[in-house]
Amino acid sequence: MPSPLDDLYDDYPVGWVLTYRSRRTPGPPFGGCAVGVVLGPPVRDSRTGLELIPLASAGAVPGAPPVWVPDRDIIGIEPRQRPS
């Protein structure tokens, strides 16, 4: 049986919060930063060869499509805070 700590060894554990460069917003040099919750394992884009991470945007409504963020744009990772 897998340990709950096994996902700590994943590159991007499901449910953790990633901070990433948001290239969709204006401003130098890459726009702004955004956060999202990891939804699943990274996927390699067959066209570009980039590893993309599926994220739920902060404040997204349930069922919203994931935001696909290139691995190179990830600038921070932390465990998701549980409500107390």
PDB file of N, CA and C in Angstrom:
ATOM      1  N   MET A   1       0.848  -1.180   0.000  1.00  0.00           N
ATOM      2  CA  MET A   1       0.000   0.000   0.000  1.00  0.00           C
ATOM      3  C   MET A   1       0.892   1.242   0.000  1.00  0.00           C
ATOM      4  N   PRO A   2       0.641   2.201  -0.916  1.00  0.00           N
ATOM      5  CA  PRO A   2       1.478   3.394  -0.977  1.00  0.00           C
ATOM      6  C   PRO A   2       1.321   4.275   0.259  1.00  0.00           C
ATOM      7  N   SER A   3       2.393   4.896   0.622  1.00  0.00           N
ATOM      8  CA  SER A   3       2.384   5.816   1.753  1.00  0.00           C
ATOM      9  C   SER A   3       1.860   7.173   1.302  1.00  0.00           C
ATOM     10  N   PRO A   4       1.158   7.918   2.179  1.00  0.00           N
ATOM     11  CA  PRO A   4       0.729   9.273   1.816  1.00  0.00           C
ATOM     12  C   PRO A   4       1.910  10.192   1.517  1.00  0.00           C
ATOM     13  N   LEU A   5       3.092   9.802   1.973  1.00  0.00           N
ATOM     14  CA  LEU A   5       4.272  10.633   1.726  1.00  0.00           C
ATOM     15  C   LEU A   5       4.930  10.326   0.391  1.00  0.00           C
ATOM     16  N   ASP A   6       4.474   9.278  -0.317  1.00  0.00           N
ATOM     17  CA  ASP A   6       5.073   8.925  -1.601  1.00  0.00           C
ATOM     18  C   ASP A   6       5.018  10.079  -2.593  1.00  0.00           C
ATOM     19  N   ASP A   7       3.919  10.861  -2.572  1.00  0.00           N
ATOM     20  CA  ASP A   7       3.812  11.946  -3.540  1.00  0.00           C
ATOM     21  C   ASP A   7       4.810  13.068  -3.276  1.00  0.00           C
ATOM     22  N   LEU A   8       5.468  13.063  -2.129  1.00  0.00           N
ATOM     23  CA  LEU A   8       6.489  14.078  -1.865  1.00  0.00           C
ATOM     24  C   LEU A   8       7.689  13.910  -2.789  1.00  0.00           C
ATOM     25  N   TYR A   9       7.804  12.731  -3.385  1.00  0.00           N
ATOM     26  CA  TYR A   9       8.924  12.475  -4.281  1.00  0.00           C
ATOM     27  C   TYR A   9       8.561  12.728  -5.738  1.00  0.00           C
ATOM     28  N   ASP A  10       7.303  13.037  -6.026  1.00  0.00           N
ATOM     29  CA  ASP A  10       6.900  13.424  -7.373  1.00  0.00           C
ATOM     30  C   ASP A  10       7.458  14.814  -7.653  1.00  0.00           C
ATOM     31  N   ASP A  11       7.677  15.111  -8.947  1.00  0.00           N
ATOM     32  CA  ASP A  11       8.120  16.454  -9.303  1.00  0.00           C
ATOM     33  C   ASP A  11       7.097  17.496  -8.874  1.00  0.00           C
ATOM     34  N   TYR A  12       5.837  17.230  -9.174  1.00  0.00           N
ATOM     35  CA  TYR A  12       4.758  18.151  -8.845  1.00  0.00           C
ATOM     36  C   TYR A  12       3.611  17.341  -8.247  1.00  0.00           C
ATOM     37  N   PRO A  13       3.588  17.164  -6.928  1.00  0.00           N
ATOM     38  CA  PRO A  13       2.543  16.350  -6.300  1.00  0.00           C
ATOM     39  C   PRO A  13       1.148  16.922  -6.535  1.00  0.00           C
ATOM     40  N   VAL A  14       0.198  16.053  -6.849  1.00  0.00           N
ATOM     41  CA  VAL A  14      -1.189  16.461  -7.054  1.00  0.00           C
ATOM     42  C   VAL A  14      -1.694  17.122  -5.777  1.00  0.00           C
ATOM     43  N   GLY A  15      -2.360  18.261  -5.950  1.00  0.00           N
ATOM     44  CA  GLY A  15      -2.916  18.995  -4.825  1.00  0.00           C
ATOM     45  C   GLY A  15      -2.004  20.079  -4.278  1.00  0.00           C
ATOM     46  N   TRP A  16      -0.733  20.091  -4.694  1.00  0.00           N
ATOM     47  CA  TRP A  16       0.177  21.135  -4.222  1.00  0.00           C
ATOM     48  C   TRP A  16      -0.034  22.393  -5.064  1.00  0.00           C
ATOM     49  N   VAL A  17       0.384  23.514  -4.510  1.00  0.00           N
ATOM     50  CA  VAL A  17       0.221  24.811  -5.165  1.00  0.00           C
ATOM     51  C   VAL A  17       1.526  25.204  -5.846  1.00  0.00           C
ATOM     52  N   LEU A  18       1.416  25.566  -7.127  1.00  0.00           N
ATOM     53  CA  LEU A  18       2.579  26.034  -7.885  1.00  0.00           C
ATOM     54  C   LEU A  18       2.417  27.516  -8.191  1.00  0.00           C
ATOM     55  N   THR A  19       3.504  28.241  -8.094  1.00  0.00           N
ATOM     56  CA  THR A  19       3.556  29.620  -8.568  1.00  0.00           C
ATOM     57  C   THR A  19       4.286  29.574  -9.899  1.00  0.00           C
ATOM     58  N   TYR A  20       3.748  30.273 -10.882  1.00  0.00           N
ATOM     59  CA  TYR A  20       4.356  30.232 -12.211  1.00  0.00           C
ATOM     60  C   TYR A  20       4.296  31.600 -12.883  1.00  0.00           C
ATOM     61  N   ARG A  21       5.213  31.772 -13.843  1.00  0.00           N
ATOM     62  CA  ARG A  21       5.198  32.991 -14.656  1.00  0.00           C
ATOM     63  C   ARG A  21       4.015  32.909 -15.594  1.00  0.00           C
ATOM     64  N   SER A  22       3.179  33.914 -15.556  1.00  0.00           N
ATOM     65  CA  SER A  22       2.007  33.962 -16.424  1.00  0.00           C
ATOM     66  C   SER A  22       2.341  34.799 -17.635  1.00  0.00           C
ATOM     67  N   ARG A  23       2.568  34.156 -18.743  1.00  0.00           N
ATOM     68  CA  ARG A  23       2.948  34.862 -19.971  1.00  0.00           C
ATOM     69  C   ARG A  23       1.747  35.476 -20.677  1.00  0.00           C
ATOM     70  N   ARG A  24       0.558  35.236 -20.144  1.00  0.00           N
ATOM     71  CA  ARG A  24      -0.649  35.763 -20.780  1.00  0.00           C
ATOM     72  C   ARG A  24      -0.988  37.177 -20.310  1.00  0.00           C
ATOM     73  N   THR A  25      -0.308  37.645 -19.270  1.00  0.00           N
ATOM     74  CA  THR A  25      -0.609  38.985 -18.765  1.00  0.00           C
ATOM     75  C   THR A  25       0.471  39.947 -19.240  1.00  0.00           C
ATOM     76  N   PRO A  26       0.102  41.190 -19.489  1.00  0.00           N
ATOM     77  CA  PRO A  26       1.102  42.151 -19.953  1.00  0.00           C
ATOM     78  C   PRO A  26       2.060  42.561 -18.841  1.00  0.00           C
ATOM     79  N   GLY A  27       3.222  43.033 -19.252  1.00  0.00           N
ATOM     80  CA  GLY A  27       4.200  43.534 -18.297  1.00  0.00           C
ATOM     81  C   GLY A  27       5.549  42.858 -18.466  1.00  0.00           C
ATOM     82  N   PRO A  28       6.616  43.556 -18.135  1.00  0.00           N
ATOM     83  CA  PRO A  28       7.955  43.000 -18.308  1.00  0.00           C
ATOM     84  C   PRO A  28       8.327  42.094 -17.153  1.00  0.00           C
ATOM     85  N   PRO A  29       9.259  41.176 -17.290  1.00  0.00           N
ATOM     86  CA  PRO A  29       9.704  40.661 -18.585  1.00  0.00           C
ATOM     87  C   PRO A  29       8.784  39.574 -19.105  1.00  0.00           C
ATOM     88  N   PHE A  30       8.046  38.893 -18.225  1.00  0.00           N
ATOM     89  CA  PHE A  30       7.203  37.789 -18.679  1.00  0.00           C
ATOM     90  C   PHE A  30       5.746  38.008 -18.315  1.00  0.00           C
ATOM     91  N   GLY A  31       5.369  39.180 -17.918  1.00  0.00           N
ATOM     92  CA  GLY A  31       4.026  39.387 -17.419  1.00  0.00           C
ATOM     93  C   GLY A  31       4.045  39.302 -15.909  1.00  0.00           C
ATOM     94  N   GLY A  32       3.058  38.702 -15.352  1.00  0.00           N
ATOM     95  CA  GLY A  32       2.984  38.580 -13.907  1.00  0.00           C
ATOM     96  C   GLY A  32       3.150  37.146 -13.467  1.00  0.00           C
ATOM     97  N   CYS A  33       2.809  36.913 -12.224  1.00  0.00           N
ATOM     98  CA  CYS A  33       2.851  35.560 -11.668  1.00  0.00           C
ATOM     99  C   CYS A  33       1.424  35.144 -11.345  1.00  0.00           C
ATOM    100  N   ALA A  34       1.206  33.846 -11.351  1.00  0.00           N
ATOM    101  CA  ALA A  34      -0.094  33.289 -11.007  1.00  0.00           C
ATOM    102  C   ALA A  34       0.138  32.030 -10.188  1.00  0.00           C
ATOM    103  N   VAL A  35      -0.922  31.530  -9.577  1.00  0.00           N
ATOM    104  CA  VAL A  35      -0.832  30.285  -8.818  1.00  0.00           C
ATOM    105  C   VAL A  35      -1.915  29.331  -9.291  1.00  0.00           C
ATOM    106  N   GLY A  36      -1.637  28.059  -9.113  1.00  0.00           N
ATOM    107  CA  GLY A  36      -2.607  27.031  -9.463  1.00  0.00           C
ATOM    108  C   GLY A  36      -2.322  25.768  -8.671  1.00  0.00           C
ATOM    109  N   VAL A  37      -3.313  24.903  -8.596  1.00  0.00           N
ATOM    110  CA  VAL A  37      -3.206  23.636  -7.879  1.00  0.00           C
ATOM    111  C   VAL A  37      -2.954  22.526  -8.895  1.00  0.00           C
ATOM    112  N   VAL A  38      -1.959  21.690  -8.616  1.00  0.00           N
ATOM    113  CA  VAL A  38      -1.601  20.596  -9.524  1.00  0.00           C
ATOM    114  C   VAL A  38      -2.751  19.591  -9.597  1.00  0.00           C
ATOM    115  N   LEU A  39      -3.175  19.282 -10.839  1.00  0.00           N
ATOM    116  CA  LEU A  39      -4.288  18.361 -11.058  1.00  0.00           C
ATOM    117  C   LEU A  39      -3.848  16.951 -11.416  1.00  0.00           C
ATOM    118  N   GLY A  40      -2.647  16.818 -11.953  1.00  0.00           N
ATOM    119  CA  GLY A  40      -2.195  15.504 -12.409  1.00  0.00           C
ATOM    120  C   GLY A  40      -0.732  15.538 -12.793  1.00  0.00           C
ATOM    121  N   PRO A  41      -0.240  14.418 -13.317  1.00  0.00           N
ATOM    122  CA  PRO A  41       1.171  14.338 -13.686  1.00  0.00           C
ATOM    123  C   PRO A  41       1.478  15.189 -14.918  1.00  0.00           C
ATOM    124  N   PRO A  42       2.731  15.605 -15.067  1.00  0.00           N
ATOM    125  CA  PRO A  42       3.138  16.363 -16.248  1.00  0.00           C
ATOM    126  C   PRO A  42       2.950  15.532 -17.522  1.00  0.00           C
ATOM    127  N   VAL A  43       2.738  16.233 -18.632  1.00  0.00           N
ATOM    128  CA  VAL A  43       2.568  15.612 -19.942  1.00  0.00           C
ATOM    129  C   VAL A  43       3.528  16.301 -20.914  1.00  0.00           C
ATOM    130  N   ARG A  44       4.199  15.503 -21.744  1.00  0.00           N
ATOM    131  CA  ARG A  44       5.116  16.069 -22.734  1.00  0.00           C
ATOM    132  C   ARG A  44       4.321  16.433 -23.990  1.00  0.00           C
ATOM    133  N   ASP A  45       4.433  17.688 -24.426  1.00  0.00           N
ATOM    134  CA  ASP A  45       3.778  18.170 -25.643  1.00  0.00           C
ATOM    135  C   ASP A  45       4.527  17.603 -26.838  1.00  0.00           C
ATOM    136  N   SER A  46       3.833  16.849 -27.679  1.00  0.00           N
ATOM    137  CA  SER A  46       4.493  16.201 -28.818  1.00  0.00           C
ATOM    138  C   SER A  46       4.970  17.203 -29.863  1.00  0.00           C
ATOM    139  N   ARG A  47       4.352  18.369 -29.935  1.00  0.00           N
ATOM    140  CA  ARG A  47       4.770  19.374 -30.921  1.00  0.00           C
ATOM    141  C   ARG A  47       6.016  20.135 -30.476  1.00  0.00           C
ATOM    142  N   THR A  48       6.050  20.530 -29.209  1.00  0.00           N
ATOM    143  CA  THR A  48       7.144  21.390 -28.737  1.00  0.00           C
ATOM    144  C   THR A  48       8.199  20.639 -27.932  1.00  0.00           C
ATOM    145  N   GLY A  49       7.823  19.474 -27.391  1.00  0.00           N
ATOM    146  CA  GLY A  49       8.740  18.728 -26.532  1.00  0.00           C
ATOM    147  C   GLY A  49       8.769  19.253 -25.102  1.00  0.00           C
ATOM    148  N   LEU A  50       7.989  20.293 -24.814  1.00  0.00           N
ATOM    149  CA  LEU A  50       7.955  20.857 -23.463  1.00  0.00           C
ATOM    150  C   LEU A  50       7.126  19.986 -22.535  1.00  0.00           C
ATOM    151  N   GLU A  51       7.541  19.902 -21.277  1.00  0.00           N
ATOM    152  CA  GLU A  51       6.754  19.220 -20.265  1.00  0.00           C
ATOM    153  C   GLU A  51       5.754  20.225 -19.714  1.00  0.00           C
ATOM    154  N   LEU A  52       4.466  19.883 -19.771  1.00  0.00           N
ATOM    155  CA  LEU A  52       3.398  20.762 -19.321  1.00  0.00           C
ATOM    156  C   LEU A  52       2.720  20.180 -18.093  1.00  0.00           C
ATOM    157  N   ILE A  53       2.396  21.038 -17.139  1.00  0.00           N
ATOM    158  CA  ILE A  53       1.763  20.620 -15.899  1.00  0.00           C
ATOM    159  C   ILE A  53       0.327  21.139 -15.907  1.00  0.00           C
ATOM    160  N   PRO A  54      -0.666  20.244 -15.673  1.00  0.00           N
ATOM    161  CA  PRO A  54      -2.056  20.708 -15.625  1.00  0.00           C
ATOM    162  C   PRO A  54      -2.372  21.309 -14.256  1.00  0.00           C
ATOM    163  N   LEU A  55      -2.871  22.535 -14.265  1.00  0.00           N
ATOM    164  CA  LEU A  55      -3.189  23.236 -13.019  1.00  0.00           C
ATOM    165  C   LEU A  55      -4.622  23.744 -13.034  1.00  0.00           C
ATOM    166  N   ALA A  56      -5.225  23.760 -11.859  1.00  0.00           N
ATOM    167  CA  ALA A  56      -6.499  24.454 -11.662  1.00  0.00           C
ATOM    168  C   ALA A  56      -6.137  25.859 -11.209  1.00  0.00           C
ATOM    169  N   SER A  57      -6.575  26.839 -11.953  1.00  0.00           N
ATOM    170  CA  SER A  57      -6.283  28.228 -11.587  1.00  0.00           C
ATOM    171  C   SER A  57      -6.908  28.565 -10.249  1.00  0.00           C
ATOM    172  N   ALA A  58      -6.229  29.419  -9.510  1.00  0.00           N
ATOM    173  CA  ALA A  58      -6.785  29.899  -8.244  1.00  0.00           C
ATOM    174  C   ALA A  58      -8.094  30.614  -8.552  1.00  0.00           C
ATOM    175  N   GLY A  59      -9.130  30.258  -7.859  1.00  0.00           N
ATOM    176  CA  GLY A  59     -10.425  30.888  -8.060  1.00  0.00           C
ATOM    177  C   GLY A  59     -11.223  30.334  -9.223  1.00  0.00           C
ATOM    178  N   ALA A  60     -10.736  29.284  -9.877  1.00  0.00           N
ATOM    179  CA  ALA A  60     -11.463  28.696 -11.004  1.00  0.00           C
ATOM    180  C   ALA A  60     -12.719  27.998 -10.505  1.00  0.00           C
ATOM    181  N   VAL A  61     -13.744  28.014 -11.320  1.00  0.00           N
ATOM    182  CA  VAL A  61     -14.982  27.323 -10.971  1.00  0.00           C
ATOM    183  C   VAL A  61     -14.802  25.831 -11.196  1.00  0.00           C
ATOM    184  N   PRO A  62     -15.479  24.998 -10.427  1.00  0.00           N
ATOM    185  CA  PRO A  62     -15.371  23.551 -10.633  1.00  0.00           C
ATOM    186  C   PRO A  62     -15.727  23.180 -12.070  1.00  0.00           C
ATOM    187  N   GLY A  63     -14.952  22.297 -12.641  1.00  0.00           N
ATOM    188  CA  GLY A  63     -15.173  21.858 -14.015  1.00  0.00           C
ATOM    189  C   GLY A  63     -14.500  22.729 -15.065  1.00  0.00           C
ATOM    190  N   ALA A  64     -13.856  23.803 -14.643  1.00  0.00           N
ATOM    191  CA  ALA A  64     -13.146  24.660 -15.599  1.00  0.00           C
ATOM    192  C   ALA A  64     -11.981  23.874 -16.201  1.00  0.00           C
ATOM    193  N   PRO A  65     -11.637  24.136 -17.466  1.00  0.00           N
ATOM    194  CA  PRO A  65     -10.511  23.420 -18.064  1.00  0.00           C
ATOM    195  C   PRO A  65      -9.209  23.770 -17.360  1.00  0.00           C
ATOM    196  N   PRO A  66      -8.259  22.832 -17.345  1.00  0.00           N
ATOM    197  CA  PRO A  66      -6.976  23.120 -16.695  1.00  0.00           C
ATOM    198  C   PRO A  66      -6.169  24.148 -17.470  1.00  0.00           C
ATOM    199  N   VAL A  67      -5.275  24.782 -16.756  1.00  0.00           N
ATOM    200  CA  VAL A  67      -4.282  25.664 -17.361  1.00  0.00           C
ATOM    201  C   VAL A  67      -3.036  24.798 -17.526  1.00  0.00           C
ATOM    202  N   TRP A  68      -2.471  24.748 -18.729  1.00  0.00           N
ATOM    203  CA  TRP A  68      -1.274  23.951 -18.985  1.00  0.00           C
ATOM    204  C   TRP A  68      -0.068  24.864 -18.944  1.00  0.00           C
ATOM    205  N   VAL A  69       0.805  24.635 -17.969  1.00  0.00           N
ATOM    206  CA  VAL A  69       1.945  25.513 -17.722  1.00  0.00           C
ATOM    207  C   VAL A  69       3.241  24.747 -18.018  1.00  0.00           C
ATOM    208  N   PRO A  70       4.118  25.328 -18.853  1.00  0.00           N
ATOM    209  CA  PRO A  70       5.406  24.673 -19.108  1.00  0.00           C
ATOM    210  C   PRO A  70       6.243  24.575 -17.830  1.00  0.00           C
ATOM    211  N   ASP A  71       6.931  23.471 -17.697  1.00  0.00           N
ATOM    212  CA  ASP A  71       7.806  23.232 -16.551  1.00  0.00           C
ATOM    213  C   ASP A  71       8.773  24.394 -16.337  1.00  0.00           C
ATOM    214  N   ARG A  72       9.281  24.959 -17.413  1.00  0.00           N
ATOM    215  CA  ARG A  72      10.269  26.040 -17.300  1.00  0.00           C
ATOM    216  C   ARG A  72       9.703  27.310 -16.676  1.00  0.00           C
ATOM    217  N   ASP A  73       8.369  27.433 -16.622  1.00  0.00           N
ATOM    218  CA  ASP A  73       7.754  28.634 -16.039  1.00  0.00           C
ATOM    219  C   ASP A  73       7.421  28.486 -14.555  1.00  0.00           C
ATOM    220  N   ILE A  74       7.646  27.306 -13.984  1.00  0.00           N
ATOM    221  CA  ILE A  74       7.360  27.093 -12.562  1.00  0.00           C
ATOM    222  C   ILE A  74       8.440  27.792 -11.736  1.00  0.00           C
ATOM    223  N   ILE A  75       8.012  28.622 -10.782  1.00  0.00           N
ATOM    224  CA  ILE A  75       8.993  29.342  -9.965  1.00  0.00           C
ATOM    225  C   ILE A  75       8.836  29.070  -8.471  1.00  0.00           C
ATOM    226  N   GLY A  76       7.821  28.294  -8.084  1.00  0.00           N
ATOM    227  CA  GLY A  76       7.654  27.968  -6.674  1.00  0.00           C
ATOM    228  C   GLY A  76       6.673  26.831  -6.483  1.00  0.00           C
ATOM    229  N   ILE A  77       6.844  26.098  -5.392  1.00  0.00           N
ATOM    230  CA  ILE A  77       5.947  24.990  -5.066  1.00  0.00           C
ATOM    231  C   ILE A  77       5.808  24.908  -3.555  1.00  0.00           C
ATOM    232  N   GLU A  78       4.603  24.632  -3.098  1.00  0.00           N
ATOM    233  CA  GLU A  78       4.377  24.464  -1.665  1.00  0.00           C
ATOM    234  C   GLU A  78       3.156  23.595  -1.454  1.00  0.00           C
ATOM    235  N   PRO A  79       3.082  22.949  -0.283  1.00  0.00           N
ATOM    236  CA  PRO A  79       1.904  22.125   0.001  1.00  0.00           C
ATOM    237  C   PRO A  79       0.646  22.977   0.060  1.00  0.00           C
ATOM    238  N   ARG A  80      -0.440  22.390  -0.350  1.00  0.00           N
ATOM    239  CA  ARG A  80      -1.718  23.095  -0.249  1.00  0.00           C
ATOM    240  C   ARG A  80      -2.103  23.164   1.213  1.00  0.00           C
ATOM    241  N   GLN A  81      -2.522  24.324   1.668  1.00  0.00           N
ATOM    242  CA  GLN A  81      -2.929  24.512   3.055  1.00  0.00           C
ATOM    243  C   GLN A  81      -4.293  23.875   3.281  1.00  0.00           C
ATOM    244  N   ARG A  82      -4.414  23.132   4.342  1.00  0.00           N
ATOM    245  CA  ARG A  82      -5.701  22.523   4.689  1.00  0.00           C
ATOM    246  C   ARG A  82      -6.443  23.462   5.639  1.00  0.00           C
ATOM    247  N   PRO A  83      -7.762  23.560   5.467  1.00  0.00           N
ATOM    248  CA  PRO A  83      -8.522  24.406   6.398  1.00  0.00           C
ATOM    249  C   PRO A  83      -8.386  23.903   7.826  1.00  0.00           C
ATOM    250  N   SER A  84      -8.281  24.816   8.774  1.00  0.00           N
ATOM    251  CA  SER A  84      -8.149  24.383  10.168  1.00  0.00           C
ATOM    252  C   SER A  84      -9.468  24.359  10.862  1.00  0.00           C
TER     253      SER A  84
END
